[in-house]
């Protein structure tokens, strides 16, 4: 059985480096160090691949990041995944990486979102829930034979998957509108925690869970 402590120490360093990445300019606008963001992106990817098993929800959400999305958005999403792993290790949910690899124990990302929210990691909780939603939309499209990549091989955006599912009457009008709201909220989660509503994230997590149950993929 692998000792989680070295992995937690490594994640601690990455989490601290992420927090050093941003600052506010004289106008109150968030700025970041581009070169440091590029480096941190690779380091976060490497850490998640090293720690999390291939078939785990951690890896699935990290692997499903749109490579064409904004650099900071990708870094924030990987940070949220790394933070989820760290918190699960600290609370005992991620007791054994080897056991997790064999499917003996793991908690789904919505449960992790709730845990992060309870610990006041509001944006990270919303990002994790949003990753779960986008992954499910992609799987639902695959189930219904709806394309999930463009002609040039690039992944189709979550918003386009949503409209495709609605246009083919897979999901209802009010559900399509709700999914759109969640996607917008997930984009907003890439901002500062202070500007993000905790109750909205809680409702988002519950709503996404209910949506996934209604439309299993």
N, C-alpha and C. Protein backbone atom coordinates (compact mmCIF):
# COMPACT_ATOMS: atom_id res chain seq x y z
N UNK A 1 0.84 -1.19 0.00
CA UNK A 1 0.00 0.00 0.00
C UNK A 1 0.88 1.24 0.00
N UNK A 2 0.60 2.18 -0.86
CA UNK A 2 1.41 3.37 -0.97
C UNK A 2 1.12 4.36 0.15
N UNK A 3 2.17 5.05 0.59
CA UNK A 3 2.03 6.05 1.64
C UNK A 3 1.57 7.37 1.00
N UNK A 4 0.42 7.91 1.42
CA UNK A 4 -0.08 9.14 0.79
C UNK A 4 0.68 10.40 1.20
N UNK A 5 1.46 10.34 2.28
CA UNK A 5 2.10 11.55 2.79
C UNK A 5 3.00 12.24 1.77
N UNK A 6 3.88 11.51 1.07
CA UNK A 6 4.72 12.20 0.07
C UNK A 6 3.90 12.86 -1.03
N UNK A 7 2.80 12.22 -1.41
CA UNK A 7 1.94 12.79 -2.44
C UNK A 7 1.25 14.06 -1.92
N UNK A 8 0.83 14.03 -0.66
CA UNK A 8 0.19 15.21 -0.08
C UNK A 8 1.18 16.36 0.01
N UNK A 9 2.43 16.05 0.36
CA UNK A 9 3.46 17.09 0.43
C UNK A 9 3.71 17.71 -0.94
N UNK A 10 3.74 16.86 -1.96
CA UNK A 10 3.92 17.35 -3.32
C UNK A 10 2.75 18.23 -3.74
N UNK A 11 1.53 17.78 -3.44
CA UNK A 11 0.34 18.57 -3.77
C UNK A 11 0.31 19.88 -3.00
N UNK A 12 0.79 19.86 -1.76
CA UNK A 12 0.87 21.09 -0.96
C UNK A 12 1.70 22.15 -1.69
N UNK A 13 2.82 21.72 -2.25
CA UNK A 13 3.71 22.65 -2.97
C UNK A 13 3.00 23.21 -4.20
N UNK A 14 2.32 22.34 -4.94
CA UNK A 14 1.62 22.78 -6.15
C UNK A 14 0.47 23.74 -5.81
N UNK A 15 -0.25 23.44 -4.73
CA UNK A 15 -1.35 24.31 -4.29
C UNK A 15 -0.81 25.69 -3.90
N UNK A 16 0.31 25.70 -3.18
CA UNK A 16 0.92 26.98 -2.79
C UNK A 16 1.40 27.75 -4.01
N UNK A 17 1.98 27.04 -4.98
CA UNK A 17 2.46 27.70 -6.20
C UNK A 17 1.29 28.28 -6.99
N UNK A 18 0.17 27.59 -6.99
CA UNK A 18 -1.02 28.11 -7.68
C UNK A 18 -1.46 29.42 -7.04
N UNK A 19 -1.43 29.47 -5.71
CA UNK A 19 -1.88 30.67 -5.01
C UNK A 19 -0.94 31.85 -5.23
N UNK A 20 0.31 31.57 -5.63
CA UNK A 20 1.27 32.63 -5.93
C UNK A 20 1.14 33.14 -7.37
N UNK A 21 0.32 32.46 -8.14
CA UNK A 21 0.24 32.72 -9.57
C UNK A 21 -0.48 34.03 -9.90
N UNK A 22 -1.39 34.46 -9.02
CA UNK A 22 -2.27 35.58 -9.33
C UNK A 22 -2.03 36.77 -8.40
N UNK A 23 -2.32 37.94 -8.91
CA UNK A 23 -2.32 39.15 -8.10
C UNK A 23 -3.27 40.15 -8.73
N UNK A 24 -3.64 41.18 -7.96
CA UNK A 24 -4.54 42.22 -8.45
C UNK A 24 -3.72 43.45 -8.81
N UNK A 25 -3.98 44.01 -10.00
CA UNK A 25 -3.27 45.22 -10.40
C UNK A 25 -3.89 46.44 -9.73
N UNK A 26 -3.40 47.63 -10.06
CA UNK A 26 -3.86 48.85 -9.40
C UNK A 26 -5.33 49.15 -9.66
N UNK A 27 -5.89 48.54 -10.71
CA UNK A 27 -7.31 48.73 -11.02
C UNK A 27 -8.19 47.62 -10.46
N UNK A 28 -7.57 46.72 -9.70
CA UNK A 28 -8.33 45.63 -9.10
C UNK A 28 -8.58 44.47 -10.03
N UNK A 29 -7.89 44.44 -11.18
CA UNK A 29 -8.05 43.35 -12.14
C UNK A 29 -7.05 42.23 -11.86
N UNK A 30 -7.53 41.00 -11.97
CA UNK A 30 -6.66 39.86 -11.70
C UNK A 30 -5.63 39.69 -12.82
N UNK A 31 -4.38 39.51 -12.45
CA UNK A 31 -3.29 39.27 -13.38
C UNK A 31 -2.59 37.97 -12.99
N UNK A 32 -1.85 37.40 -13.93
CA UNK A 32 -1.11 36.19 -13.61
C UNK A 32 0.19 36.15 -14.41
N UNK A 33 1.11 35.32 -13.94
CA UNK A 33 2.41 35.17 -14.60
C UNK A 33 2.29 34.06 -15.63
N UNK A 34 2.31 34.42 -16.91
CA UNK A 34 2.05 33.48 -17.99
C UNK A 34 3.02 32.30 -17.97
N UNK A 35 4.32 32.59 -17.88
CA UNK A 35 5.32 31.52 -17.92
C UNK A 35 5.14 30.57 -16.74
N UNK A 36 4.83 31.11 -15.58
CA UNK A 36 4.63 30.29 -14.40
C UNK A 36 3.38 29.43 -14.56
N UNK A 37 2.35 29.98 -15.21
CA UNK A 37 1.11 29.24 -15.43
C UNK A 37 1.36 28.04 -16.35
N UNK A 38 2.15 28.25 -17.41
CA UNK A 38 2.45 27.16 -18.33
C UNK A 38 3.21 26.04 -17.62
N UNK A 39 4.17 26.42 -16.79
CA UNK A 39 4.95 25.43 -16.05
C UNK A 39 4.07 24.68 -15.05
N UNK A 40 3.23 25.43 -14.34
CA UNK A 40 2.37 24.82 -13.33
C UNK A 40 1.36 23.87 -13.97
N UNK A 41 0.89 24.21 -15.16
CA UNK A 41 -0.03 23.33 -15.88
C UNK A 41 0.60 21.95 -16.08
N UNK A 42 1.83 21.93 -16.55
CA UNK A 42 2.53 20.66 -16.79
C UNK A 42 2.77 19.91 -15.48
N UNK A 43 3.15 20.64 -14.44
CA UNK A 43 3.43 20.01 -13.15
C UNK A 43 2.16 19.41 -12.54
N UNK A 44 1.05 20.12 -12.66
CA UNK A 44 -0.22 19.60 -12.14
C UNK A 44 -0.64 18.35 -12.91
N UNK A 45 -0.51 18.40 -14.24
CA UNK A 45 -0.84 17.24 -15.06
C UNK A 45 -0.01 16.03 -14.66
N UNK A 46 1.29 16.25 -14.49
CA UNK A 46 2.20 15.16 -14.14
C UNK A 46 1.85 14.57 -12.77
N UNK A 47 1.53 15.44 -11.81
CA UNK A 47 1.20 14.96 -10.47
C UNK A 47 -0.08 14.13 -10.47
N UNK A 48 -1.09 14.62 -11.18
CA UNK A 48 -2.37 13.90 -11.22
C UNK A 48 -2.20 12.55 -11.91
N UNK A 49 -1.44 12.52 -13.01
CA UNK A 49 -1.20 11.26 -13.72
C UNK A 49 -0.42 10.28 -12.85
N UNK A 50 0.50 10.80 -12.05
CA UNK A 50 1.33 9.95 -11.20
C UNK A 50 0.53 9.40 -10.02
N UNK A 51 -0.37 10.20 -9.47
CA UNK A 51 -1.07 9.82 -8.25
C UNK A 51 -2.37 9.07 -8.53
N UNK A 52 -3.16 9.58 -9.47
CA UNK A 52 -4.51 9.04 -9.68
C UNK A 52 -4.51 7.94 -10.74
N UNK A 53 -5.18 6.82 -10.47
CA UNK A 53 -5.28 5.74 -11.45
C UNK A 53 -6.01 6.19 -12.72
N UNK A 54 -5.73 5.52 -13.81
CA UNK A 54 -6.26 5.91 -15.11
C UNK A 54 -7.78 5.95 -15.14
N UNK A 55 -8.43 4.98 -14.50
CA UNK A 55 -9.89 4.89 -14.60
C UNK A 55 -10.60 5.59 -13.45
N UNK A 56 -9.88 6.41 -12.69
CA UNK A 56 -10.50 7.12 -11.57
C UNK A 56 -11.18 8.39 -12.06
N UNK A 57 -12.17 8.91 -11.31
CA UNK A 57 -12.81 10.17 -11.71
C UNK A 57 -11.84 11.34 -11.71
N UNK A 58 -10.80 11.27 -10.89
CA UNK A 58 -9.79 12.33 -10.89
C UNK A 58 -9.15 12.43 -12.27
N UNK A 59 -8.69 11.29 -12.77
CA UNK A 59 -8.02 11.28 -14.07
C UNK A 59 -8.99 11.61 -15.20
N UNK A 60 -10.21 11.09 -15.12
CA UNK A 60 -11.17 11.35 -16.19
C UNK A 60 -11.44 12.84 -16.32
N UNK A 61 -11.60 13.52 -15.19
CA UNK A 61 -11.88 14.95 -15.25
C UNK A 61 -10.66 15.74 -15.70
N UNK A 62 -9.48 15.31 -15.29
CA UNK A 62 -8.26 15.98 -15.74
C UNK A 62 -8.04 15.76 -17.24
N UNK A 63 -8.31 14.55 -17.70
CA UNK A 63 -8.09 14.22 -19.11
C UNK A 63 -9.12 14.87 -20.03
N UNK A 64 -10.29 15.24 -19.48
CA UNK A 64 -11.36 15.79 -20.30
C UNK A 64 -11.29 17.30 -20.47
N UNK A 65 -10.24 17.92 -19.98
CA UNK A 65 -10.09 19.37 -20.13
C UNK A 65 -9.90 19.70 -21.61
N UNK A 66 -10.61 20.71 -22.07
CA UNK A 66 -10.51 21.14 -23.46
C UNK A 66 -9.12 21.76 -23.70
N UNK A 67 -8.30 21.16 -24.56
CA UNK A 67 -6.95 21.68 -24.79
C UNK A 67 -6.94 23.05 -25.46
N UNK A 68 -8.09 23.45 -26.03
CA UNK A 68 -8.17 24.75 -26.69
C UNK A 68 -8.69 25.85 -25.77
N UNK A 69 -9.03 25.49 -24.54
CA UNK A 69 -9.55 26.50 -23.61
C UNK A 69 -8.42 27.40 -23.12
N UNK A 70 -8.79 28.50 -22.50
CA UNK A 70 -7.83 29.49 -22.02
C UNK A 70 -6.88 28.85 -21.02
N UNK A 71 -5.61 29.23 -21.08
CA UNK A 71 -4.57 28.63 -20.24
C UNK A 71 -4.95 28.67 -18.77
N UNK A 72 -5.38 29.82 -18.28
CA UNK A 72 -5.70 29.94 -16.86
C UNK A 72 -6.88 29.05 -16.49
N UNK A 73 -7.83 28.89 -17.40
CA UNK A 73 -8.97 28.01 -17.15
C UNK A 73 -8.50 26.58 -16.96
N UNK A 74 -7.55 26.13 -17.80
CA UNK A 74 -7.03 24.77 -17.68
C UNK A 74 -6.26 24.59 -16.37
N UNK A 75 -5.47 25.60 -16.01
CA UNK A 75 -4.71 25.52 -14.77
C UNK A 75 -5.65 25.47 -13.57
N UNK A 76 -6.69 26.30 -13.58
CA UNK A 76 -7.65 26.31 -12.47
C UNK A 76 -8.36 24.97 -12.33
N UNK A 77 -8.71 24.36 -13.45
CA UNK A 77 -9.40 23.07 -13.40
C UNK A 77 -8.49 21.99 -12.83
N UNK A 78 -7.24 21.94 -13.29
CA UNK A 78 -6.29 20.96 -12.76
C UNK A 78 -6.01 21.22 -11.28
N UNK A 79 -5.97 22.49 -10.91
CA UNK A 79 -5.81 22.83 -9.49
C UNK A 79 -6.96 22.27 -8.67
N UNK A 80 -8.19 22.40 -9.19
CA UNK A 80 -9.36 21.89 -8.48
C UNK A 80 -9.28 20.38 -8.32
N UNK A 81 -8.82 19.68 -9.35
CA UNK A 81 -8.67 18.22 -9.27
C UNK A 81 -7.60 17.86 -8.24
N UNK A 82 -6.46 18.56 -8.30
CA UNK A 82 -5.38 18.30 -7.35
C UNK A 82 -5.83 18.58 -5.92
N UNK A 83 -6.60 19.66 -5.75
CA UNK A 83 -7.11 20.00 -4.43
C UNK A 83 -8.08 18.93 -3.93
N UNK A 84 -8.90 18.39 -4.83
CA UNK A 84 -9.83 17.32 -4.45
C UNK A 84 -9.08 16.08 -3.98
N UNK A 85 -8.01 15.72 -4.71
CA UNK A 85 -7.20 14.57 -4.30
C UNK A 85 -6.58 14.82 -2.93
N UNK A 86 -6.03 16.02 -2.75
CA UNK A 86 -5.39 16.37 -1.48
C UNK A 86 -6.38 16.30 -0.33
N UNK A 87 -7.58 16.87 -0.52
CA UNK A 87 -8.58 16.86 0.54
C UNK A 87 -9.05 15.45 0.85
N UNK A 88 -9.20 14.62 -0.19
CA UNK A 88 -9.63 13.24 0.03
C UNK A 88 -8.57 12.44 0.78
N UNK A 89 -7.31 12.70 0.47
CA UNK A 89 -6.23 12.05 1.21
C UNK A 89 -6.24 12.48 2.68
N UNK A 90 -6.42 13.77 2.89
CA UNK A 90 -6.37 14.32 4.26
C UNK A 90 -7.52 13.79 5.12
N UNK A 91 -8.69 13.62 4.51
CA UNK A 91 -9.86 13.17 5.27
C UNK A 91 -9.99 11.66 5.32
N UNK A 92 -9.09 10.95 4.61
CA UNK A 92 -9.13 9.50 4.65
C UNK A 92 -9.94 8.87 3.54
N UNK A 93 -10.54 9.69 2.67
CA UNK A 93 -11.32 9.13 1.56
C UNK A 93 -10.42 8.44 0.55
N UNK A 94 -9.25 8.99 0.38
CA UNK A 94 -8.28 8.45 -0.57
C UNK A 94 -7.25 7.67 0.25
N UNK A 95 -7.71 6.61 0.91
CA UNK A 95 -6.86 5.90 1.87
C UNK A 95 -5.76 5.10 1.18
N UNK A 96 -6.04 4.59 0.01
CA UNK A 96 -5.06 3.76 -0.67
C UNK A 96 -5.14 3.98 -2.17
N UNK A 97 -4.07 4.47 -2.74
CA UNK A 97 -4.04 4.66 -4.18
C UNK A 97 -4.13 3.31 -4.89
N UNK A 98 -3.51 2.31 -4.30
CA UNK A 98 -3.57 0.97 -4.89
C UNK A 98 -4.99 0.42 -4.84
N UNK A 99 -5.68 0.64 -3.71
CA UNK A 99 -7.06 0.16 -3.59
C UNK A 99 -7.95 0.90 -4.57
N UNK A 100 -7.71 2.19 -4.72
CA UNK A 100 -8.50 2.97 -5.66
C UNK A 100 -8.30 2.46 -7.07
N UNK A 101 -7.06 2.09 -7.40
CA UNK A 101 -6.76 1.59 -8.74
C UNK A 101 -7.52 0.30 -9.03
N UNK A 102 -7.80 -0.46 -7.99
CA UNK A 102 -8.53 -1.71 -8.18
C UNK A 102 -10.03 -1.53 -7.98
N UNK A 103 -10.46 -0.28 -7.81
CA UNK A 103 -11.88 0.01 -7.71
C UNK A 103 -12.49 -0.31 -6.36
N UNK A 104 -11.65 -0.50 -5.32
CA UNK A 104 -12.18 -0.86 -4.01
C UNK A 104 -12.87 0.32 -3.34
N UNK A 105 -12.37 1.51 -3.60
CA UNK A 105 -12.99 2.67 -2.97
C UNK A 105 -12.66 3.94 -3.74
N UNK A 106 -13.68 4.73 -4.05
CA UNK A 106 -13.47 6.10 -4.50
C UNK A 106 -14.80 6.84 -4.42
N UNK A 107 -14.74 8.14 -4.21
CA UNK A 107 -15.93 8.95 -4.08
C UNK A 107 -16.11 9.76 -5.35
N UNK A 108 -17.33 9.84 -5.81
CA UNK A 108 -17.57 10.55 -7.06
C UNK A 108 -17.31 12.04 -6.90
N UNK A 109 -17.20 12.71 -8.02
CA UNK A 109 -16.79 14.11 -8.00
C UNK A 109 -17.82 15.03 -7.39
N UNK A 110 -19.09 14.67 -7.45
CA UNK A 110 -20.09 15.52 -6.82
C UNK A 110 -19.96 15.45 -5.30
N UNK A 111 -19.62 14.29 -4.77
CA UNK A 111 -19.36 14.18 -3.33
C UNK A 111 -18.15 15.02 -2.96
N UNK A 112 -17.14 14.99 -3.82
CA UNK A 112 -15.95 15.80 -3.57
C UNK A 112 -16.29 17.29 -3.64
N UNK A 113 -17.18 17.64 -4.56
CA UNK A 113 -17.61 19.04 -4.66
C UNK A 113 -18.26 19.50 -3.36
N UNK A 114 -19.12 18.64 -2.81
CA UNK A 114 -19.78 18.97 -1.55
C UNK A 114 -18.76 19.14 -0.43
N UNK A 115 -17.77 18.25 -0.41
CA UNK A 115 -16.75 18.33 0.63
C UNK A 115 -15.93 19.61 0.49
N UNK A 116 -15.56 19.95 -0.74
CA UNK A 116 -14.81 21.18 -0.97
C UNK A 116 -15.63 22.40 -0.59
N UNK A 117 -16.91 22.36 -0.89
CA UNK A 117 -17.79 23.48 -0.55
C UNK A 117 -17.89 23.62 0.97
N UNK A 118 -17.98 22.50 1.67
CA UNK A 118 -18.05 22.53 3.13
C UNK A 118 -16.78 23.12 3.73
N UNK A 119 -15.67 23.00 3.00
CA UNK A 119 -14.40 23.54 3.48
C UNK A 119 -14.15 24.94 2.92
N UNK A 120 -15.20 25.52 2.29
CA UNK A 120 -15.16 26.90 1.76
C UNK A 120 -14.29 27.07 0.52
N UNK A 121 -13.98 25.97 -0.18
CA UNK A 121 -13.31 26.06 -1.47
C UNK A 121 -14.40 26.19 -2.54
N UNK A 122 -15.05 27.35 -2.57
CA UNK A 122 -16.25 27.52 -3.38
C UNK A 122 -15.99 27.35 -4.87
N UNK A 123 -14.99 28.04 -5.39
CA UNK A 123 -14.71 27.95 -6.82
C UNK A 123 -14.28 26.54 -7.22
N UNK A 124 -13.42 25.94 -6.41
CA UNK A 124 -12.95 24.58 -6.70
C UNK A 124 -14.13 23.61 -6.73
N UNK A 125 -15.07 23.78 -5.80
CA UNK A 125 -16.25 22.92 -5.77
C UNK A 125 -17.07 23.06 -7.04
N UNK A 126 -17.23 24.30 -7.51
CA UNK A 126 -18.00 24.54 -8.74
C UNK A 126 -17.28 23.98 -9.96
N UNK A 127 -15.96 24.11 -9.99
CA UNK A 127 -15.19 23.59 -11.12
C UNK A 127 -15.31 22.07 -11.20
N UNK A 128 -15.19 21.39 -10.06
CA UNK A 128 -15.30 19.93 -10.03
C UNK A 128 -16.70 19.50 -10.48
N UNK A 129 -17.73 20.17 -9.98
CA UNK A 129 -19.10 19.85 -10.39
C UNK A 129 -19.27 20.09 -11.88
N UNK A 130 -18.69 21.19 -12.38
CA UNK A 130 -18.78 21.49 -13.80
C UNK A 130 -18.07 20.45 -14.66
N UNK A 131 -16.94 19.95 -14.17
CA UNK A 131 -16.23 18.88 -14.89
C UNK A 131 -17.09 17.63 -14.97
N UNK A 132 -17.76 17.31 -13.85
CA UNK A 132 -18.65 16.14 -13.84
C UNK A 132 -19.77 16.31 -14.85
N UNK A 133 -20.33 17.52 -14.93
CA UNK A 133 -21.41 17.79 -15.87
C UNK A 133 -20.92 17.65 -17.31
N UNK A 134 -19.79 18.26 -17.64
CA UNK A 134 -19.28 18.20 -19.01
C UNK A 134 -18.93 16.78 -19.41
N UNK A 135 -18.36 16.02 -18.48
CA UNK A 135 -18.04 14.62 -18.76
C UNK A 135 -19.31 13.83 -19.04
N UNK A 136 -20.35 14.09 -18.26
CA UNK A 136 -21.61 13.36 -18.45
C UNK A 136 -22.27 13.76 -19.77
N UNK A 137 -22.22 15.04 -20.12
CA UNK A 137 -22.78 15.47 -21.41
C UNK A 137 -22.08 14.75 -22.56
N UNK A 138 -20.76 14.63 -22.45
CA UNK A 138 -19.99 13.95 -23.50
C UNK A 138 -20.39 12.48 -23.59
N UNK A 139 -20.53 11.83 -22.44
CA UNK A 139 -20.92 10.42 -22.43
C UNK A 139 -22.34 10.23 -22.95
N UNK A 140 -23.21 11.17 -22.62
CA UNK A 140 -24.60 11.11 -23.07
C UNK A 140 -24.66 11.28 -24.59
N UNK A 141 -23.84 12.17 -25.12
CA UNK A 141 -23.78 12.36 -26.57
C UNK A 141 -23.28 11.09 -27.25
N UNK A 142 -22.27 10.47 -26.67
CA UNK A 142 -21.75 9.22 -27.24
C UNK A 142 -22.83 8.14 -27.25
N UNK A 143 -23.58 8.07 -26.18
CA UNK A 143 -24.66 7.09 -26.07
C UNK A 143 -25.71 7.30 -27.16
N UNK A 144 -25.97 8.58 -27.48
CA UNK A 144 -27.01 8.91 -28.46
C UNK A 144 -26.43 9.12 -29.86
N UNK A 145 -25.17 8.72 -30.06
CA UNK A 145 -24.49 8.82 -31.36
C UNK A 145 -24.41 10.26 -31.86
N UNK A 146 -24.23 11.19 -30.94
CA UNK A 146 -24.04 12.60 -31.28
C UNK A 146 -22.53 12.87 -31.29
N UNK A 147 -22.00 13.48 -32.35
CA UNK A 147 -20.56 13.72 -32.44
C UNK A 147 -20.05 14.53 -31.25
N UNK A 148 -18.87 14.16 -30.76
CA UNK A 148 -18.27 14.90 -29.65
C UNK A 148 -16.94 15.54 -30.07
N UNK A 149 -16.57 15.37 -31.35
CA UNK A 149 -15.38 16.03 -31.88
C UNK A 149 -15.74 16.67 -33.22
N UNK A 150 -15.02 17.73 -33.56
CA UNK A 150 -15.21 18.39 -34.84
C UNK A 150 -14.52 17.62 -35.95
N UNK A 151 -14.69 18.09 -37.17
CA UNK A 151 -14.06 17.43 -38.31
C UNK A 151 -12.54 17.46 -38.23
N UNK A 152 -12.00 18.45 -37.50
CA UNK A 152 -10.55 18.54 -37.36
C UNK A 152 -10.03 17.79 -36.13
N UNK A 153 -10.95 17.05 -35.46
CA UNK A 153 -10.54 16.23 -34.32
C UNK A 153 -10.59 16.92 -32.98
N UNK A 154 -10.98 18.19 -32.95
CA UNK A 154 -11.05 18.91 -31.68
C UNK A 154 -12.36 18.61 -30.97
N UNK A 155 -12.30 18.60 -29.64
CA UNK A 155 -13.49 18.31 -28.85
C UNK A 155 -14.53 19.41 -29.01
N UNK A 156 -15.77 19.00 -29.11
CA UNK A 156 -16.88 19.95 -29.20
C UNK A 156 -17.14 20.54 -27.82
N UNK A 157 -17.42 21.82 -27.78
CA UNK A 157 -17.67 22.50 -26.52
C UNK A 157 -18.92 21.96 -25.84
N UNK A 158 -18.95 22.10 -24.52
CA UNK A 158 -20.08 21.61 -23.74
C UNK A 158 -21.38 22.27 -24.16
N UNK A 159 -21.33 23.56 -24.48
CA UNK A 159 -22.55 24.27 -24.88
C UNK A 159 -23.14 23.68 -26.16
N UNK A 160 -22.29 23.31 -27.11
CA UNK A 160 -22.78 22.71 -28.35
C UNK A 160 -23.35 21.32 -28.09
N UNK A 161 -22.74 20.57 -27.18
CA UNK A 161 -23.30 19.27 -26.83
C UNK A 161 -24.68 19.43 -26.21
N UNK A 162 -24.82 20.46 -25.38
CA UNK A 162 -26.11 20.73 -24.75
C UNK A 162 -27.19 21.01 -25.80
N UNK A 163 -26.88 21.88 -26.76
CA UNK A 163 -27.86 22.22 -27.78
C UNK A 163 -28.17 21.02 -28.68
N UNK A 164 -27.19 20.18 -28.92
CA UNK A 164 -27.41 18.98 -29.74
C UNK A 164 -28.35 18.01 -29.02
N UNK A 165 -28.15 17.84 -27.73
CA UNK A 165 -29.02 16.95 -26.96
C UNK A 165 -30.45 17.47 -26.93
N UNK A 166 -30.60 18.79 -26.86
CA UNK A 166 -31.94 19.37 -26.86
C UNK A 166 -32.59 19.28 -28.24
N UNK A 167 -31.82 19.57 -29.28
CA UNK A 167 -32.38 19.55 -30.64
C UNK A 167 -32.84 18.15 -31.04
N UNK A 168 -32.24 17.13 -30.46
CA UNK A 168 -32.64 15.75 -30.75
C UNK A 168 -33.65 15.22 -29.73
N UNK A 169 -34.17 16.15 -28.90
CA UNK A 169 -35.21 15.82 -27.91
C UNK A 169 -34.74 14.80 -26.87
N UNK A 170 -33.44 14.77 -26.62
CA UNK A 170 -32.91 13.88 -25.58
C UNK A 170 -33.20 14.48 -24.21
N UNK A 171 -33.04 15.80 -24.11
CA UNK A 171 -33.38 16.49 -22.87
C UNK A 171 -34.45 17.53 -23.18
N UNK A 172 -35.21 17.90 -22.15
CA UNK A 172 -36.33 18.82 -22.33
C UNK A 172 -35.86 20.27 -22.30
N UNK A 173 -36.75 21.17 -22.71
CA UNK A 173 -36.41 22.58 -22.84
C UNK A 173 -35.93 23.18 -21.52
N UNK A 174 -36.69 22.94 -20.44
CA UNK A 174 -36.31 23.54 -19.16
C UNK A 174 -34.99 22.97 -18.65
N UNK A 175 -34.72 21.69 -19.00
CA UNK A 175 -33.46 21.08 -18.57
C UNK A 175 -32.29 21.65 -19.37
N UNK A 176 -32.53 21.89 -20.66
CA UNK A 176 -31.49 22.49 -21.49
C UNK A 176 -31.12 23.88 -20.97
N UNK A 177 -32.13 24.63 -20.54
CA UNK A 177 -31.88 25.97 -19.98
C UNK A 177 -31.11 25.87 -18.66
N UNK A 178 -31.46 24.87 -17.86
CA UNK A 178 -30.77 24.70 -16.58
C UNK A 178 -29.31 24.31 -16.79
N UNK A 179 -29.07 23.41 -17.75
CA UNK A 179 -27.69 23.01 -18.06
C UNK A 179 -26.89 24.22 -18.54
N UNK A 180 -27.52 25.06 -19.35
CA UNK A 180 -26.85 26.28 -19.83
C UNK A 180 -26.45 27.16 -18.66
N UNK A 181 -27.34 27.28 -17.68
CA UNK A 181 -27.05 28.10 -16.50
C UNK A 181 -25.88 27.51 -15.71
N UNK A 182 -25.85 26.18 -15.60
CA UNK A 182 -24.74 25.54 -14.88
C UNK A 182 -23.42 25.76 -15.60
N UNK A 183 -23.44 25.69 -16.92
CA UNK A 183 -22.21 25.89 -17.69
C UNK A 183 -21.70 27.32 -17.52
N UNK A 184 -22.62 28.28 -17.52
CA UNK A 184 -22.23 29.67 -17.29
C UNK A 184 -21.66 29.84 -15.89
N UNK A 185 -22.31 29.20 -14.93
CA UNK A 185 -21.86 29.27 -13.54
C UNK A 185 -20.48 28.64 -13.39
N UNK A 186 -20.25 27.56 -14.14
CA UNK A 186 -18.94 26.91 -14.08
C UNK A 186 -17.86 27.83 -14.64
N UNK A 187 -18.18 28.57 -15.71
CA UNK A 187 -17.23 29.55 -16.24
C UNK A 187 -16.93 30.62 -15.20
N UNK A 188 -17.98 31.05 -14.51
CA UNK A 188 -17.81 32.08 -13.48
C UNK A 188 -16.94 31.58 -12.33
N UNK A 189 -16.95 30.27 -12.12
CA UNK A 189 -16.18 29.69 -11.01
C UNK A 189 -14.68 29.85 -11.20
N UNK A 190 -14.26 30.20 -12.42
CA UNK A 190 -12.84 30.41 -12.66
C UNK A 190 -12.38 31.78 -12.19
N UNK A 191 -13.30 32.52 -11.56
CA UNK A 191 -12.93 33.81 -10.98
C UNK A 191 -12.61 33.66 -9.51
N UNK A 192 -12.75 34.74 -8.77
CA UNK A 192 -12.40 34.75 -7.36
C UNK A 192 -13.53 34.18 -6.51
N UNK A 193 -13.18 33.46 -5.42
CA UNK A 193 -14.17 32.91 -4.50
C UNK A 193 -15.09 34.00 -3.94
N UNK A 194 -14.54 35.18 -3.70
CA UNK A 194 -15.31 36.24 -3.06
C UNK A 194 -16.47 36.71 -3.92
N UNK A 195 -16.40 36.46 -5.23
CA UNK A 195 -17.46 36.93 -6.11
C UNK A 195 -18.41 35.80 -6.48
N UNK A 196 -18.25 34.64 -5.85
CA UNK A 196 -19.04 33.48 -6.22
C UNK A 196 -19.94 33.07 -5.07
N UNK A 197 -21.21 32.83 -5.37
CA UNK A 197 -22.21 32.58 -4.35
C UNK A 197 -22.20 31.13 -3.89
N UNK A 198 -22.02 30.92 -2.60
CA UNK A 198 -21.93 29.58 -2.04
C UNK A 198 -23.23 28.79 -2.23
N UNK A 199 -24.37 29.44 -1.99
CA UNK A 199 -25.65 28.75 -2.12
C UNK A 199 -25.90 28.33 -3.57
N UNK A 200 -25.43 29.14 -4.52
CA UNK A 200 -25.59 28.79 -5.94
C UNK A 200 -24.80 27.54 -6.28
N UNK A 201 -23.60 27.41 -5.71
CA UNK A 201 -22.77 26.22 -5.95
C UNK A 201 -23.44 24.99 -5.35
N UNK A 202 -24.00 25.15 -4.15
CA UNK A 202 -24.69 24.04 -3.50
C UNK A 202 -25.87 23.55 -4.35
N UNK A 203 -26.66 24.49 -4.86
CA UNK A 203 -27.80 24.14 -5.72
C UNK A 203 -27.32 23.50 -7.01
N UNK A 204 -26.19 23.99 -7.52
CA UNK A 204 -25.62 23.45 -8.75
C UNK A 204 -25.23 21.99 -8.57
N UNK A 205 -24.58 21.67 -7.46
CA UNK A 205 -24.15 20.29 -7.19
C UNK A 205 -25.34 19.35 -7.10
N UNK A 206 -26.37 19.77 -6.35
CA UNK A 206 -27.57 18.95 -6.20
C UNK A 206 -28.27 18.77 -7.54
N UNK A 207 -28.39 19.86 -8.29
CA UNK A 207 -29.07 19.81 -9.58
C UNK A 207 -28.37 18.93 -10.59
N UNK A 208 -27.04 19.03 -10.65
CA UNK A 208 -26.28 18.20 -11.59
C UNK A 208 -26.42 16.73 -11.22
N UNK A 209 -26.40 16.44 -9.92
CA UNK A 209 -26.58 15.06 -9.49
C UNK A 209 -27.92 14.49 -9.93
N UNK A 210 -28.97 15.29 -9.79
CA UNK A 210 -30.31 14.85 -10.20
C UNK A 210 -30.38 14.68 -11.72
N UNK A 211 -29.73 15.57 -12.46
CA UNK A 211 -29.72 15.49 -13.92
C UNK A 211 -29.03 14.20 -14.38
N UNK A 212 -27.91 13.87 -13.76
CA UNK A 212 -27.17 12.66 -14.12
C UNK A 212 -27.99 11.41 -13.83
N UNK A 213 -28.74 11.44 -12.73
CA UNK A 213 -29.59 10.29 -12.40
C UNK A 213 -30.73 10.13 -13.39
N UNK A 214 -31.29 11.25 -13.86
CA UNK A 214 -32.41 11.19 -14.82
C UNK A 214 -31.96 10.72 -16.19
N UNK A 215 -30.71 11.04 -16.54
CA UNK A 215 -30.21 10.69 -17.87
C UNK A 215 -28.91 9.89 -17.75
N UNK A 216 -29.00 8.64 -17.33
CA UNK A 216 -27.78 7.83 -17.19
C UNK A 216 -27.13 7.60 -18.55
N UNK A 217 -25.81 7.63 -18.55
CA UNK A 217 -25.06 7.40 -19.78
C UNK A 217 -24.36 6.05 -19.74
